[in-house]
Amino acid sequence: MTRAPVRVARGALSGLFFVAYGLFALPFALLLPIPIWPKKGVRAVLRACFRLFVFLARLTRLFRVECAAEDLAALKALHGSIVVMNHVSLIDVVILIAHLGDSAGIAKAAAKRNPFLGAVVRTVFIPNDSGAEKAIEDSKRLLAEGLNIIIFPEGTRIPPDAAEHRLNRGSARLALASGAPLVACHIEYDPPVLGKTQAWWDVGDREIVVRLSCRGTIAADMENNYRNAVALTEKIREKIL
């Protein structure tokens, strides 16, 4: 096969993944509002689906995730931790949740209005539309229950070669307020895929390699104040970028 047909075939495969995801998400979203479903069970189902997504992507050679054995063990062992990571692709959260235990995350308020994912976000994630203090209190409660809280300090997808990476202080504030372990991760894609301005069909002409790494714990045993939140955010920047 020449490169052009390969790119077309891989674009069609990417589209098939999105269609399959939508076909799953819509009935899932319709069922979630029914109060009989325990949130822990919903999170377990979602995590299993994300793991299936990653497995099928590797099986079809759409992409594969490379993660060192010691990093994979460290991620699986996390419990009641704040996990911070850079944000470059639409599927970052899918890949990260697939490699963690019971987890939730901070989500944009706009995600609640998504017809496919709105119910998932409201059930599994912590929307930030009620203000930072409410998000911190909700996160502290889940951390105390043993969940990992995922935060992308950049707030939105940023190209790796961007001139500036502005980080929100929310993860630092949560670490200082909760005393929970703060764990840094890094993700990169070769070639880049599903970035901020990339089309969903632009997946290159070869298998995408996703490199996921755990970069250790960041000390957050400081007084909870503005100055320390700023300093801790800089430490997070050094680890995740």
Protein backbone atom coordinates (compact mmCIF):
# COMPACT_ATOMS: atom_id res chain seq x y z
CA MET A 1 0.00 0.00 0.00
CA THR A 2 1.17 3.49 -0.79
CA ARG A 3 0.97 6.10 1.97
CA ALA A 4 -2.22 7.83 0.77
CA PRO A 5 -4.45 4.70 0.85
CA VAL A 6 -2.98 3.78 4.22
CA ARG A 7 -3.87 7.20 5.61
CA VAL A 8 -7.43 6.87 4.24
CA ALA A 9 -7.80 3.39 5.73
CA ARG A 10 -6.50 4.53 9.10
CA GLY A 11 -8.79 7.58 9.01
CA ALA A 12 -11.74 5.25 8.40
CA LEU A 13 -10.61 3.06 11.30
CA SER A 14 -10.45 6.13 13.55
CA GLY A 15 -13.98 7.04 12.46
CA LEU A 16 -15.17 3.54 13.27
CA PHE A 17 -13.77 3.89 16.78
CA PHE A 18 -15.62 7.17 17.27
CA VAL A 19 -18.90 5.69 15.98
CA ALA A 20 -18.53 2.66 18.26
CA TYR A 21 -17.80 4.96 21.19
CA GLY A 22 -20.91 7.02 20.42
CA LEU A 23 -23.11 3.92 20.09
CA PHE A 24 -21.93 2.84 23.54
CA ALA A 25 -22.08 6.28 25.14
CA LEU A 26 -25.66 7.14 24.14
CA PRO A 27 -27.46 4.22 25.89
CA PHE A 28 -25.00 4.52 28.78
CA ALA A 29 -25.96 8.18 29.10
CA LEU A 30 -29.68 7.31 29.03
CA LEU A 31 -29.29 4.71 31.79
CA LEU A 32 -27.04 6.69 34.13
CA PRO A 33 -29.71 9.09 35.47
CA ILE A 34 -31.58 6.08 36.89
CA PRO A 35 -30.69 6.29 40.61
CA ILE A 36 -30.27 2.54 41.15
CA TRP A 37 -26.79 2.55 39.59
CA PRO A 38 -24.06 2.98 42.25
CA LYS A 39 -21.39 5.45 41.20
CA LYS A 40 -18.60 3.02 42.02
CA GLY A 41 -20.17 0.49 39.64
CA VAL A 42 -20.53 3.13 36.92
CA ARG A 43 -16.87 4.08 37.30
CA ALA A 44 -15.87 0.40 37.09
CA VAL A 45 -17.88 -0.09 33.87
CA LEU A 46 -16.42 3.06 32.33
CA ARG A 47 -12.87 2.02 33.29
CA ALA A 48 -13.44 -1.43 31.74
CA CYS A 49 -14.71 0.19 28.54
CA PHE A 50 -11.66 2.46 28.37
CA ARG A 51 -9.40 -0.57 28.82
CA LEU A 52 -11.27 -2.33 26.02
CA PHE A 53 -10.82 0.76 23.84
CA VAL A 54 -7.05 0.70 24.43
CA PHE A 55 -6.90 -3.07 23.82
CA LEU A 56 -8.82 -2.85 20.53
CA ALA A 57 -6.69 0.08 19.37
CA ARG A 58 -3.59 -2.03 19.87
CA LEU A 59 -5.23 -5.05 18.23
CA THR A 60 -6.11 -3.02 15.11
CA ARG A 61 -2.77 -1.16 15.22
CA LEU A 62 -4.48 2.21 15.46
CA PHE A 63 -2.27 2.99 18.45
CA ARG A 64 -0.40 1.23 21.21
CA VAL A 65 0.48 2.43 24.69
CA GLU A 66 4.04 2.03 25.90
CA CYS A 67 4.52 2.25 29.66
CA ALA A 68 7.54 0.92 31.57
CA ALA A 69 6.75 -1.96 33.89
CA GLU A 70 7.71 -0.01 37.01
CA ASP A 71 5.58 2.96 35.91
CA LEU A 72 2.62 0.71 35.16
CA ALA A 73 2.94 -0.89 38.61
CA ALA A 74 3.14 2.55 40.23
CA LEU A 75 -0.01 3.73 38.42
CA LYS A 76 -1.99 0.62 39.33
CA ALA A 77 -0.97 0.98 42.98
CA LEU A 78 -2.23 4.57 43.31
CA HIS A 79 -5.00 5.03 45.86
CA GLY A 80 -6.42 8.33 47.04
CA SER A 81 -3.89 10.32 44.99
CA ILE A 82 -4.05 13.49 42.91
CA VAL A 83 -2.77 12.58 39.44
CA VAL A 84 -1.59 15.49 37.28
CA MET A 85 -0.60 15.14 33.63
CA ASN A 86 0.05 17.25 30.55
CA HIS A 87 -2.85 17.45 28.10
CA VAL A 88 -2.15 17.06 24.37
CA SER A 89 -4.87 14.76 22.96
CA LEU A 90 -8.60 14.16 23.18
CA ILE A 91 -7.99 10.62 24.46
CA ASP A 92 -5.54 11.49 27.28
CA VAL A 93 -8.13 10.86 29.98
CA VAL A 94 -9.23 7.59 28.36
CA ILE A 95 -5.68 6.24 28.39
CA LEU A 96 -4.92 7.45 31.91
CA ILE A 97 -8.12 6.06 33.47
CA ALA A 98 -7.50 2.75 31.68
CA HIS A 99 -4.20 2.43 33.57
CA LEU A 100 -5.43 3.51 37.01
CA GLY A 101 -7.67 2.07 39.69
CA ASP A 102 -10.90 3.75 40.82
CA SER A 103 -10.63 7.33 39.58
CA ALA A 104 -12.57 10.49 38.90
CA GLY A 105 -11.52 13.78 37.37
CA ILE A 106 -12.20 17.49 37.12
CA ALA A 107 -14.18 18.23 33.93
CA LYS A 108 -15.10 21.40 32.09
CA ALA A 109 -18.64 22.60 32.74
CA ALA A 110 -19.39 22.48 29.00
CA ALA A 111 -18.90 18.70 29.04
CA LYS A 112 -22.09 18.34 31.12
CA ARG A 113 -24.11 19.54 28.11
CA ASN A 114 -22.64 16.99 25.70
CA PRO A 115 -25.52 14.72 24.55
CA PHE A 116 -23.28 11.64 24.58
CA LEU A 117 -21.06 12.30 27.58
CA GLY A 118 -23.08 14.66 29.77
CA ALA A 119 -24.47 11.97 32.05
CA VAL A 120 -21.06 10.30 32.27
CA VAL A 121 -19.44 13.59 33.29
CA ARG A 122 -22.12 14.32 35.89
CA THR A 123 -21.80 10.84 37.38
CA VAL A 124 -18.09 10.03 37.14
CA PHE A 125 -16.39 13.41 36.97
CA ILE A 126 -16.45 16.63 39.00
CA PRO A 127 -17.73 19.52 36.85
CA ASN A 128 -16.01 22.81 37.66
CA ASP A 129 -19.03 25.04 37.01
CA SER A 130 -19.83 25.43 40.71
CA GLY A 131 -16.57 27.21 41.46
CA ALA A 132 -13.12 26.17 42.57
CA GLU A 133 -14.01 25.81 46.25
CA LYS A 134 -16.87 23.40 45.54
CA ALA A 135 -14.65 21.34 43.21
CA ILE A 136 -11.96 21.17 45.90
CA GLU A 137 -14.44 20.05 48.58
CA ASP A 138 -15.95 17.39 46.28
CA SER A 139 -12.45 16.19 45.36
CA LYS A 140 -11.36 16.02 49.01
CA ARG A 141 -14.37 13.83 49.79
CA LEU A 142 -13.57 11.41 46.96
CA LEU A 143 -9.87 11.32 47.88
CA ALA A 144 -10.87 10.39 51.42
CA GLU A 145 -12.91 7.52 49.96
CA GLY A 146 -9.78 6.25 48.19
CA LEU A 147 -10.41 7.51 44.65
CA ASN A 148 -7.69 9.03 42.53
CA ILE A 149 -8.48 12.51 41.22
CA ILE A 150 -7.20 13.31 37.72
CA ILE A 151 -6.39 16.93 36.88
CA PHE A 152 -4.91 18.43 33.72
CA PRO A 153 -3.30 21.64 35.04
CA GLU A 154 -3.13 23.11 31.52
CA GLY A 155 -6.93 23.07 31.47
CA THR A 156 -7.16 22.33 27.75
CA ARG A 157 -5.21 20.52 25.07
CA ILE A 158 -1.90 22.25 24.35
CA PRO A 159 0.56 21.29 21.57
CA PRO A 160 3.85 19.99 23.01
CA ASP A 161 5.79 22.66 21.09
CA ALA A 162 3.61 25.54 22.31
CA ALA A 163 5.57 28.66 23.24
CA GLU A 164 3.82 28.91 26.60
CA HIS A 165 2.14 26.43 28.92
CA ARG A 166 -0.02 28.22 31.45
CA LEU A 167 -0.97 26.01 34.38
CA ASN A 168 -3.98 26.43 36.64
CA ARG A 169 -3.28 26.29 40.39
CA GLY A 170 -6.26 24.01 41.13
CA SER A 171 -4.20 20.83 41.52
CA ALA A 172 -1.74 22.57 43.84
CA ARG A 173 -4.56 24.04 45.91
CA LEU A 174 -6.22 20.63 46.21
CA ALA A 175 -2.94 18.99 47.28
CA LEU A 176 -2.33 21.64 49.94
CA ALA A 177 -5.93 21.47 51.19
CA SER A 178 -6.23 17.68 51.28
CA GLY A 179 -2.76 16.42 52.12
CA ALA A 180 -3.23 13.73 49.44
CA PRO A 181 -0.19 12.47 47.48
CA LEU A 182 0.44 14.46 44.29
CA VAL A 183 1.66 12.21 41.46
CA ALA A 184 3.00 13.55 38.15
CA CYS A 185 2.53 11.79 34.80
CA HIS A 186 3.53 12.61 31.24
CA ILE A 187 2.02 11.50 27.93
CA GLU A 188 3.18 11.96 24.36
CA TYR A 189 2.07 10.71 20.94
CA ASP A 190 4.20 9.78 17.95
CA PRO A 191 2.88 11.04 15.60
CA PRO A 192 0.64 13.61 17.34
CA VAL A 193 -3.08 12.79 17.16
CA LEU A 194 -6.40 14.36 18.21
CA GLY A 195 -4.77 17.61 19.27
CA LYS A 196 -6.62 20.89 19.75
CA THR A 197 -6.91 21.71 16.03
CA GLN A 198 -6.46 18.23 14.54
CA ALA A 199 -9.19 16.45 12.64
CA TRP A 200 -10.33 13.08 14.00
CA TRP A 201 -9.31 11.36 10.75
CA ASP A 202 -5.76 12.73 10.83
CA VAL A 203 -4.09 9.67 12.37
CA GLY A 204 -1.08 9.33 10.10
CA ASP A 205 0.04 6.39 8.00
CA ARG A 206 1.53 4.22 10.73
CA GLU A 207 0.69 2.90 14.17
CA ILE A 208 0.62 5.68 16.76
CA VAL A 209 2.90 5.13 19.73
CA VAL A 210 1.56 6.58 22.98
CA ARG A 211 4.23 6.89 25.66
CA LEU A 212 2.87 7.12 29.19
CA SER A 213 5.21 7.62 32.13
CA CYS A 214 4.89 8.15 35.86
CA ARG A 215 7.30 10.83 37.05
CA GLY A 216 6.95 10.33 40.75
CA THR A 217 5.44 12.11 43.73
CA ILE A 218 5.69 15.85 44.31
CA ALA A 219 6.06 16.93 47.94
CA ALA A 220 3.11 19.09 49.02
CA ASP A 221 3.61 19.14 52.79
CA MET A 222 3.41 22.90 53.07
CA GLU A 223 1.06 25.45 54.58
CA ASN A 224 -2.03 26.00 52.47
CA ASN A 225 -1.55 29.54 51.15
CA TYR A 226 -1.27 31.42 47.86
CA ARG A 227 2.53 31.58 47.81
CA ASN A 228 2.91 27.85 48.32
CA ALA A 229 0.24 27.12 45.69
CA VAL A 230 2.25 29.14 43.16
CA ALA A 231 5.51 27.40 44.12
CA LEU A 232 3.89 23.96 43.97
CA THR A 233 2.41 24.72 40.54
CA GLU A 234 5.92 25.43 39.28
CA LYS A 235 7.09 22.06 40.61
CA ILE A 236 4.18 20.44 38.78
CA ARG A 237 5.22 22.22 35.57
CA GLU A 238 8.76 20.84 35.86
CA LYS A 239 7.45 17.29 36.23
CA ILE A 240 4.68 17.03 33.67
CA LEU A 241 6.06 19.03 30.73
